[in-house]
Amino acid sequence: MEHRREAIRGVAGCLIALIGGAAGMLAWAPYGRRGIFGGFEGEAEWNVLWLGLPVMMLGGITAGVTLFALLWGKWRQALGAAVLLTALVGFGVAFDVLAGPPSTCGPVC
């Protein structure tokens, strides 16, 4: 019975990580569309793809793992995942990974 419970927990953890990654990708999509496919004079900002997408997907996966660890009462694992999530947020802010191309309308917008 214990093996079955561990197997169910493992499958649930993988599904939560998959859902977190998909949520991160969906959260990234508007920034990716704007950063890659349009901007001032057709200029693309590839950092949105090369940095933004991995950071958002890893952030979604890490958030899912954190919640999963909290639900199962694994406080040390949840704390470790929360530290990793904080580091990902810090990296994203420091490198402005979701910044698209400059605005075309200037300060009037």
C-alpha atoms as a PDB file:
ATOM      1  CA  MET A   1       0.000   0.000   0.000  1.00  0.00           C
ATOM      2  CA  GLU A   2       2.881   2.369   0.801  1.00  0.00           C
ATOM      3  CA  HIS A   3       4.379   1.881  -2.674  1.00  0.00           C
ATOM      4  CA  ARG A   4       1.079   2.768  -4.261  1.00  0.00           C
ATOM      5  CA  ARG A   5       0.827   5.952  -2.181  1.00  0.00           C
ATOM      6  CA  GLU A   6       4.377   6.959  -3.179  1.00  0.00           C
ATOM      7  CA  ALA A   7       3.584   6.294  -6.841  1.00  0.00           C
ATOM      8  CA  ILE A   8       0.457   8.435  -6.658  1.00  0.00           C
ATOM      9  CA  ARG A   9       2.402  11.192  -4.921  1.00  0.00           C
ATOM     10  CA  GLY A  10       5.101  11.026  -7.618  1.00  0.00           C
ATOM     11  CA  VAL A  11       2.595  11.232 -10.458  1.00  0.00           C
ATOM     12  CA  ALA A  12       0.785  14.112  -8.737  1.00  0.00           C
ATOM     13  CA  GLY A  13       4.084  15.960  -8.287  1.00  0.00           C
ATOM     14  CA  CYS A  14       4.948  15.541 -11.963  1.00  0.00           C
ATOM     15  CA  LEU A  15       1.502  16.758 -12.994  1.00  0.00           C
ATOM     16  CA  ILE A  16       1.771  19.807 -10.742  1.00  0.00           C
ATOM     17  CA  ALA A  17       5.208  20.610 -12.182  1.00  0.00           C
ATOM     18  CA  LEU A  18       3.808  20.237 -15.712  1.00  0.00           C
ATOM     19  CA  ILE A  19       0.863  22.493 -14.902  1.00  0.00           C
ATOM     20  CA  GLY A  20       3.232  25.046 -13.337  1.00  0.00           C
ATOM     21  CA  GLY A  21       5.424  25.052 -16.441  1.00  0.00           C
ATOM     22  CA  ALA A  22       2.394  25.498 -18.677  1.00  0.00           C
ATOM     23  CA  ALA A  23       1.140  28.339 -16.482  1.00  0.00           C
ATOM     24  CA  GLY A  24       4.546  30.010 -16.718  1.00  0.00           C
ATOM     25  CA  MET A  25       4.480  29.681 -20.493  1.00  0.00           C
ATOM     26  CA  LEU A  26       0.965  31.132 -20.661  1.00  0.00           C
ATOM     27  CA  ALA A  27       2.016  34.038 -18.437  1.00  0.00           C
ATOM     28  CA  TRP A  28       5.001  34.643 -20.738  1.00  0.00           C
ATOM     29  CA  ALA A  29       3.014  34.499 -24.010  1.00  0.00           C
ATOM     30  CA  PRO A  30       1.807  38.136 -24.158  1.00  0.00           C
ATOM     31  CA  TYR A  31       5.340  39.401 -23.492  1.00  0.00           C
ATOM     32  CA  GLY A  32       6.794  37.009 -26.032  1.00  0.00           C
ATOM     33  CA  ARG A  33       4.357  38.026 -28.743  1.00  0.00           C
ATOM     34  CA  ARG A  34       5.023  41.703 -28.171  1.00  0.00           C
ATOM     35  CA  GLY A  35       8.783  41.278 -27.787  1.00  0.00           C
ATOM     36  CA  ILE A  36       9.437  39.019 -30.758  1.00  0.00           C
ATOM     37  CA  PHE A  37       6.808  39.954 -33.334  1.00  0.00           C
ATOM     38  CA  GLY A  38       6.609  43.666 -33.141  1.00  0.00           C
ATOM     39  CA  GLY A  39       7.942  46.839 -31.882  1.00  0.00           C
ATOM     40  CA  PHE A  40       9.547  49.987 -33.096  1.00  0.00           C
ATOM     41  CA  GLU A  41      10.444  49.524 -36.777  1.00  0.00           C
ATOM     42  CA  GLY A  42      10.013  45.779 -36.497  1.00  0.00           C
ATOM     43  CA  GLU A  43      12.816  45.489 -33.955  1.00  0.00           C
ATOM     44  CA  ALA A  44      12.633  42.230 -32.028  1.00  0.00           C
ATOM     45  CA  GLU A  45      13.841  41.867 -28.461  1.00  0.00           C
ATOM     46  CA  TRP A  46      15.214  38.316 -28.326  1.00  0.00           C
ATOM     47  CA  ASN A  47      15.956  38.471 -24.588  1.00  0.00           C
ATOM     48  CA  VAL A  48      12.229  37.976 -24.099  1.00  0.00           C
ATOM     49  CA  LEU A  49      12.628  34.539 -25.707  1.00  0.00           C
ATOM     50  CA  TRP A  50      16.100  33.499 -24.540  1.00  0.00           C
ATOM     51  CA  LEU A  51      15.755  34.717 -20.951  1.00  0.00           C
ATOM     52  CA  GLY A  52      12.064  35.402 -20.350  1.00  0.00           C
ATOM     53  CA  LEU A  53      10.609  32.060 -21.406  1.00  0.00           C
ATOM     54  CA  PRO A  54      12.974  29.862 -19.350  1.00  0.00           C
ATOM     55  CA  VAL A  55      12.642  32.094 -16.292  1.00  0.00           C
ATOM     56  CA  MET A  56       8.842  32.079 -16.482  1.00  0.00           C
ATOM     57  CA  MET A  57       8.634  28.317 -17.071  1.00  0.00           C
ATOM     58  CA  LEU A  58      11.100  27.513 -14.294  1.00  0.00           C
ATOM     59  CA  GLY A  59       9.257  29.941 -12.041  1.00  0.00           C
ATOM     60  CA  GLY A  60       5.958  28.182 -12.726  1.00  0.00           C
ATOM     61  CA  ILE A  61       7.486  24.774 -12.104  1.00  0.00           C
ATOM     62  CA  THR A  62       9.162  25.978  -8.912  1.00  0.00           C
ATOM     63  CA  ALA A  63       5.939  27.571  -7.664  1.00  0.00           C
ATOM     64  CA  GLY A  64       4.129  24.273  -8.272  1.00  0.00           C
ATOM     65  CA  VAL A  65       6.818  22.288  -6.470  1.00  0.00           C
ATOM     66  CA  THR A  66       6.695  24.740  -3.563  1.00  0.00           C
ATOM     67  CA  LEU A  67       2.936  24.375  -3.218  1.00  0.00           C
ATOM     68  CA  PHE A  68       3.147  20.611  -3.552  1.00  0.00           C
ATOM     69  CA  ALA A  69       5.799  20.408  -0.825  1.00  0.00           C
ATOM     70  CA  LEU A  70       3.687  22.608   1.436  1.00  0.00           C
ATOM     71  CA  LEU A  71       0.629  20.426   0.879  1.00  0.00           C
ATOM     72  CA  TRP A  72       2.552  17.292   1.864  1.00  0.00           C
ATOM     73  CA  GLY A  73       4.129  18.960   4.893  1.00  0.00           C
ATOM     74  CA  LYS A  74       7.687  18.865   3.536  1.00  0.00           C
ATOM     75  CA  TRP A  75       8.748  22.195   5.054  1.00  0.00           C
ATOM     76  CA  ARG A  76      12.454  22.006   4.224  1.00  0.00           C
ATOM     77  CA  GLN A  77      11.795  21.165   0.588  1.00  0.00           C
ATOM     78  CA  ALA A  78       9.213  23.942   0.400  1.00  0.00           C
ATOM     79  CA  LEU A  79      11.691  26.399   1.872  1.00  0.00           C
ATOM     80  CA  GLY A  80      14.370  25.347  -0.622  1.00  0.00           C
ATOM     81  CA  ALA A  81      11.951  25.714  -3.523  1.00  0.00           C
ATOM     82  CA  ALA A  82      10.832  29.115  -2.219  1.00  0.00           C
ATOM     83  CA  VAL A  83      14.463  30.267  -2.085  1.00  0.00           C
ATOM     84  CA  LEU A  84      14.935  29.099  -5.680  1.00  0.00           C
ATOM     85  CA  LEU A  85      11.749  30.913  -6.705  1.00  0.00           C
ATOM     86  CA  THR A  86      13.018  34.084  -5.037  1.00  0.00           C
ATOM     87  CA  ALA A  87      16.320  33.749  -6.920  1.00  0.00           C
ATOM     88  CA  LEU A  88      14.444  33.350 -10.224  1.00  0.00           C
ATOM     89  CA  VAL A  89      12.381  36.455  -9.508  1.00  0.00           C
ATOM     90  CA  GLY A  90      15.552  38.362  -8.634  1.00  0.00           C
ATOM     91  CA  PHE A  91      17.218  37.220 -11.862  1.00  0.00           C
ATOM     92  CA  GLY A  92      14.158  38.222 -13.877  1.00  0.00           C
ATOM     93  CA  VAL A  93      14.031  41.668 -12.314  1.00  0.00           C
ATOM     94  CA  ALA A  94      17.787  42.249 -12.550  1.00  0.00           C
ATOM     95  CA  PHE A  95      17.978  41.362 -16.235  1.00  0.00           C
ATOM     96  CA  ASP A  96      14.510  42.707 -17.109  1.00  0.00           C
ATOM     97  CA  VAL A  97      13.715  39.478 -18.921  1.00  0.00           C
ATOM     98  CA  LEU A  98      10.183  40.499 -19.912  1.00  0.00           C
ATOM     99  CA  ALA A  99      11.092  43.896 -21.364  1.00  0.00           C
ATOM    100  CA  GLY A 100       9.875  44.158 -24.907  1.00  0.00           C
ATOM    101  CA  PRO A 101      11.007  46.569 -27.571  1.00  0.00           C
ATOM    102  CA  PRO A 102      10.768  50.301 -26.839  1.00  0.00           C
ATOM    103  CA  SER A 103       7.369  51.937 -27.137  1.00  0.00           C
ATOM    104  CA  THR A 104       6.601  53.584 -30.469  1.00  0.00           C
ATOM    105  CA  CYS A 105       4.487  56.458 -29.202  1.00  0.00           C
ATOM    106  CA  GLY A 106       6.938  58.106 -26.784  1.00  0.00           C
ATOM    107  CA  PRO A 107       5.967  59.771 -23.509  1.00  0.00           C
ATOM    108  CA  VAL A 108       2.426  60.600 -24.707  1.00  0.00           C
ATOM    109  CA  CYS A 109       1.223  57.055 -24.022  1.00  0.00           C
END
